[in-house]
Amino acid sequence: LEYLFSLFIFDYLQLKHNLAERILRGMYLFGAVILCITAKNYHDLLNISHFIIWPSVIDIQIAIGLIIRHLGKSPKRERARLLLFILSPFLITVNADFIIKTFLNNIEVPYVSMYGWIGTVIIFFLNFSFDYQKISSRLEYLNTELKNEVGEQTRQLQEANNRLEHEMQIASEDMHMAAIVQQKFFFIPKEEFNNWDYAVCYEPLAQVSGDLFNFFYDEQVLNGISLFDASGHGVAASLVTM
């Protein structure tokens, strides 16, 4: 129990054992196991406990010291405080066993620390359950908020798309009107010119164009034709043309 107790504290506080600590704890655990296995009967086993309990108490005090050291301004202080609360049943019963077995020298009373360890495990799992419930509720809340946020963003995007489609429709209608107005400035003569045949094909790349043509004539006499191409394209070029 004491061996697991120390490992539990190190793991919960996210600390690492160095090599020397691993060797010492391993040797202590191995020695305790050998002493228990070689005991002839239960009475001898209880007598051997006097030799085992002192190193256990020392190791427990070291582990508790780690918890106390992190109770201050350490980043792990919240975990240390919670750990001290969770381990309180085990710490109380271990000290009770130490007093009963060492100072009162009563080897007939069973170890109560195993019940303290059970209490610690129960408290730990209850705390774990509460934390899990909080996390689950938080995730459910975030999931709901995420759905609402996605729905709101989708609605805003749809509204923006609708506005854009409306504006594009208006722009298209305006551009079509501009093309009609521009083409009204291009006069194609109805007359037949002496010695000339002509035909006009005017197809802008866009609805409005930067191209310009004009005929100069006097009755059936063609005096000249002008062709221009404004730099650029689209609306800008068509404005220069106009």
Protein backbone atom coordinates (compact mmCIF):
# COMPACT_ATOMS: atom_id res chain seq x y z
CA LEU A 1 0.00 0.00 0.00
CA GLU A 2 2.77 2.41 0.90
CA TYR A 3 4.62 1.63 -2.34
CA LEU A 4 1.48 2.29 -4.40
CA PHE A 5 0.80 5.37 -2.30
CA SER A 6 4.15 6.93 -3.24
CA LEU A 7 3.79 6.07 -6.92
CA PHE A 8 0.28 7.50 -6.92
CA ILE A 9 1.48 10.83 -5.51
CA PHE A 10 4.28 11.11 -8.05
CA ASP A 11 1.98 10.28 -10.95
CA TYR A 12 -0.84 12.57 -9.80
CA LEU A 13 1.53 15.52 -9.34
CA GLN A 14 3.14 14.65 -12.68
CA LEU A 15 6.57 14.22 -11.10
CA LYS A 16 9.30 11.81 -12.14
CA HIS A 17 11.31 9.37 -10.03
CA ASN A 18 15.04 9.59 -10.45
CA LEU A 19 17.08 6.39 -10.71
CA ALA A 20 18.21 6.39 -7.07
CA GLU A 21 14.63 6.68 -5.80
CA ARG A 22 13.52 3.85 -8.05
CA ILE A 23 16.31 1.60 -6.79
CA LEU A 24 15.64 2.40 -3.10
CA ARG A 25 11.90 1.89 -3.37
CA GLY A 26 12.39 -1.28 -5.39
CA MET A 27 14.80 -2.69 -2.80
CA TYR A 28 12.44 -1.79 0.03
CA LEU A 29 9.47 -3.44 -1.69
CA PHE A 30 11.54 -6.53 -2.48
CA GLY A 31 12.79 -6.79 1.13
CA ALA A 32 9.28 -6.36 2.55
CA VAL A 33 7.95 -9.09 0.26
CA ILE A 34 10.75 -11.50 1.22
CA LEU A 35 10.18 -10.88 4.95
CA CYS A 36 6.44 -11.50 4.58
CA ILE A 37 6.95 -14.69 2.55
CA THR A 38 9.47 -16.16 4.98
CA ALA A 39 7.32 -15.50 8.09
CA LYS A 40 6.37 -18.80 9.78
CA ASN A 41 2.95 -17.69 11.02
CA TYR A 42 0.70 -14.67 11.47
CA HIS A 43 2.24 -13.80 14.85
CA ASP A 44 5.73 -13.69 13.31
CA LEU A 45 4.35 -11.66 10.44
CA LEU A 46 3.00 -9.06 12.84
CA ASN A 47 6.32 -8.93 14.66
CA ILE A 48 8.14 -8.39 11.36
CA SER A 49 5.86 -5.45 10.68
CA HIS A 50 7.86 -3.43 13.22
CA PHE A 51 10.82 -3.52 10.82
CA ILE A 52 8.70 -2.73 7.79
CA ILE A 53 6.57 0.07 9.15
CA TRP A 54 9.42 2.48 9.95
CA PRO A 55 10.75 2.76 6.36
CA SER A 56 7.15 2.98 5.20
CA VAL A 57 6.46 5.91 7.51
CA ILE A 58 9.62 7.66 6.35
CA ASP A 59 8.69 7.17 2.69
CA ILE A 60 5.15 8.37 3.35
CA GLN A 61 6.47 11.49 5.06
CA ILE A 62 8.67 12.20 2.05
CA ALA A 63 5.68 11.80 -0.26
CA ILE A 64 3.57 14.07 1.95
CA GLY A 65 6.41 16.58 1.91
CA LEU A 66 6.16 16.67 -1.89
CA ILE A 67 2.47 17.49 -1.58
CA ILE A 68 3.08 20.22 1.00
CA ARG A 69 5.87 21.73 -1.10
CA HIS A 70 3.42 22.21 -3.97
CA LEU A 71 0.67 23.73 -1.83
CA GLY A 72 2.10 27.22 -2.19
CA LYS A 73 2.49 29.13 -5.42
CA SER A 74 3.42 26.10 -7.46
CA PRO A 75 1.57 25.54 -10.75
CA LYS A 76 0.52 22.19 -9.28
CA ARG A 77 -0.98 23.68 -6.10
CA GLU A 78 -4.58 22.90 -7.07
CA ARG A 79 -3.72 19.27 -7.74
CA ALA A 80 -1.70 19.12 -4.51
CA ARG A 81 -4.58 20.49 -2.41
CA LEU A 82 -7.03 18.07 -3.97
CA LEU A 83 -4.60 15.21 -3.52
CA LEU A 84 -4.13 16.01 0.17
CA PHE A 85 -7.91 15.92 0.63
CA ILE A 86 -8.26 12.65 -1.27
CA LEU A 87 -5.47 10.96 0.70
CA SER A 88 -6.67 12.13 4.10
CA PRO A 89 -8.43 8.80 5.00
CA PHE A 90 -5.31 6.84 4.21
CA LEU A 91 -3.00 9.23 6.05
CA ILE A 92 -5.18 9.16 9.17
CA THR A 93 -5.40 5.36 9.26
CA VAL A 94 -1.68 4.93 8.54
CA ASN A 95 -0.82 7.12 11.52
CA ALA A 96 -3.33 5.15 13.60
CA ASP A 97 -1.62 1.89 12.59
CA PHE A 98 1.77 3.39 13.40
CA ILE A 99 0.66 4.38 16.90
CA ILE A 100 -1.11 1.06 17.56
CA LYS A 101 1.69 -1.17 16.30
CA THR A 102 4.70 0.82 17.46
CA PHE A 103 3.86 2.72 20.63
CA LEU A 104 0.98 0.60 21.96
CA ASN A 105 2.72 -2.56 20.74
CA ASN A 106 -0.63 -4.14 19.92
CA ILE A 107 -0.17 -6.70 17.15
CA GLU A 108 -3.58 -8.31 17.50
CA VAL A 109 -5.54 -5.44 15.98
CA PRO A 110 -5.75 -5.69 12.15
CA TYR A 111 -4.29 -2.91 10.06
CA VAL A 112 -6.91 -0.20 9.55
CA SER A 113 -4.88 1.51 6.82
CA MET A 114 -6.36 -0.85 4.22
CA TYR A 115 -9.78 0.63 5.00
CA GLY A 116 -8.30 4.11 4.73
CA TRP A 117 -6.89 3.19 1.33
CA ILE A 118 -10.32 1.98 0.23
CA GLY A 119 -11.79 5.28 1.42
CA THR A 120 -9.15 7.17 -0.55
CA VAL A 121 -9.93 5.18 -3.68
CA ILE A 122 -13.66 5.84 -3.24
CA ILE A 123 -13.09 9.59 -2.78
CA PHE A 124 -10.78 9.66 -5.79
CA PHE A 125 -13.33 7.98 -8.04
CA LEU A 126 -16.10 10.23 -6.74
CA ASN A 127 -13.94 13.25 -7.56
CA PHE A 128 -13.17 11.74 -10.94
CA SER A 129 -16.89 11.24 -11.55
CA PHE A 130 -17.66 14.86 -10.64
CA ASP A 131 -14.87 16.10 -12.91
CA TYR A 132 -16.13 13.89 -15.71
CA GLN A 133 -19.64 15.25 -15.22
CA LYS A 134 -18.33 18.83 -15.37
CA ILE A 135 -16.32 18.08 -18.50
CA SER A 136 -19.27 16.30 -20.09
CA SER A 137 -21.58 19.24 -19.31
CA ARG A 138 -18.99 21.68 -20.62
CA LEU A 139 -18.56 19.70 -23.84
CA GLU A 140 -22.32 19.50 -24.28
CA TYR A 141 -22.57 23.26 -23.74
CA LEU A 142 -19.75 23.93 -26.21
CA ASN A 143 -21.32 21.56 -28.71
CA THR A 144 -24.64 23.39 -28.43
CA GLU A 145 -22.92 26.77 -28.69
CA LEU A 146 -20.94 25.54 -31.68
CA LYS A 147 -24.13 24.44 -33.43
CA ASN A 148 -25.72 27.81 -32.67
CA GLU A 149 -22.61 29.65 -33.86
CA VAL A 150 -22.44 27.60 -37.06
CA GLY A 151 -26.16 28.22 -37.63
CA GLU A 152 -25.73 31.96 -37.06
CA GLN A 153 -22.68 32.14 -39.33
CA THR A 154 -24.55 30.14 -41.99
CA ARG A 155 -27.52 32.52 -41.73
CA GLN A 156 -25.26 35.57 -42.04
CA LEU A 157 -23.44 33.99 -44.98
CA GLN A 158 -26.77 33.22 -46.68
CA GLU A 159 -27.92 36.81 -46.16
CA ALA A 160 -24.62 38.09 -47.56
CA ASN A 161 -24.99 35.78 -50.57
CA ASN A 162 -28.54 36.98 -51.13
CA ARG A 163 -27.41 40.62 -50.95
CA LEU A 164 -24.55 39.87 -53.31
CA GLU A 165 -26.83 38.13 -55.80
CA HIS A 166 -29.23 41.09 -55.64
CA GLU A 167 -26.42 43.58 -56.17
CA MET A 168 -25.00 41.48 -59.01
CA GLN A 169 -28.44 41.39 -60.63
CA ILE A 170 -28.72 45.17 -60.34
CA ALA A 171 -25.17 45.58 -61.69
CA SER A 172 -25.98 43.26 -64.60
CA GLU A 173 -29.12 45.24 -65.44
CA ASP A 174 -27.18 48.50 -65.20
CA MET A 175 -24.42 47.10 -67.41
CA HIS A 176 -26.96 45.95 -69.97
CA MET A 177 -28.51 49.42 -69.99
CA ALA A 178 -25.07 50.98 -70.33
CA ALA A 179 -24.33 48.73 -73.31
CA ILE A 180 -27.58 49.83 -75.01
CA VAL A 181 -26.77 53.48 -74.37
CA GLN A 182 -23.19 53.05 -75.67
CA GLN A 183 -24.26 51.32 -78.86
CA LYS A 184 -26.71 54.15 -79.59
CA PHE A 185 -23.66 56.39 -80.14
CA PHE A 186 -22.38 54.14 -82.93
CA PHE A 187 -24.20 55.22 -86.08
CA ILE A 188 -24.15 52.77 -88.97
CA PRO A 189 -24.99 54.61 -92.18
CA LYS A 190 -28.04 53.47 -94.15
CA GLU A 191 -26.74 54.92 -97.43
CA GLU A 192 -24.82 53.15 -100.17
CA PHE A 193 -21.53 54.81 -100.92
CA ASN A 194 -20.09 55.27 -104.36
CA ASN A 195 -17.42 52.66 -105.09
CA TRP A 196 -17.65 51.17 -101.56
CA ASP A 197 -19.28 48.16 -99.97
CA TYR A 198 -19.19 47.99 -96.19
CA ALA A 199 -20.49 45.88 -93.31
CA VAL A 200 -20.18 46.33 -89.55
CA CYS A 201 -19.84 43.57 -86.93
CA TYR A 202 -19.63 44.98 -83.40
CA GLU A 203 -19.33 42.32 -80.66
CA PRO A 204 -17.80 43.55 -77.34
CA LEU A 205 -16.01 40.98 -75.17
CA ALA A 206 -18.03 42.34 -72.25
CA GLN A 207 -21.36 44.12 -72.48
CA VAL A 208 -19.61 47.47 -72.84
CA SER A 209 -16.55 48.06 -74.98
CA GLY A 210 -13.50 50.23 -75.35
CA ASP A 211 -13.73 50.10 -79.17
CA LEU A 212 -15.05 53.00 -81.22
CA PHE A 213 -15.84 53.42 -84.95
CA ASN A 214 -17.31 56.24 -87.02
CA PHE A 215 -18.12 57.04 -90.65
CA PHE A 216 -17.53 60.39 -92.28
CA TYR A 217 -19.56 60.89 -95.44
CA ASP A 218 -21.48 63.36 -97.53
CA GLU A 219 -24.52 61.79 -99.12
CA GLN A 220 -23.12 58.86 -101.23
CA VAL A 221 -19.52 60.03 -100.91
CA LEU A 222 -17.48 58.26 -98.15
CA ASN A 223 -14.86 60.63 -96.87
CA GLY A 224 -13.33 58.41 -94.17
CA ILE A 225 -13.64 55.79 -91.45
CA SER A 226 -12.22 56.07 -87.92
CA LEU A 227 -11.34 53.10 -85.67
CA PHE A 228 -10.20 53.48 -82.05
CA ASP A 229 -9.37 51.07 -79.26
CA ALA A 230 -9.21 52.56 -75.74
CA SER A 231 -6.57 51.16 -73.40
CA GLY A 232 -7.97 48.68 -70.90
CA HIS A 233 -11.30 46.87 -70.96
CA GLY A 234 -14.73 46.82 -69.44
CA VAL A 235 -16.31 49.85 -67.79
CA ALA A 236 -13.11 51.91 -67.55
CA ALA A 237 -12.35 51.57 -71.25
CA SER A 238 -15.98 52.23 -72.19
CA LEU A 239 -15.92 55.50 -70.22
CA VAL A 240 -12.83 56.62 -72.14
CA THR A 241 -14.58 55.66 -75.38
CA MET A 242 -17.64 57.72 -74.49
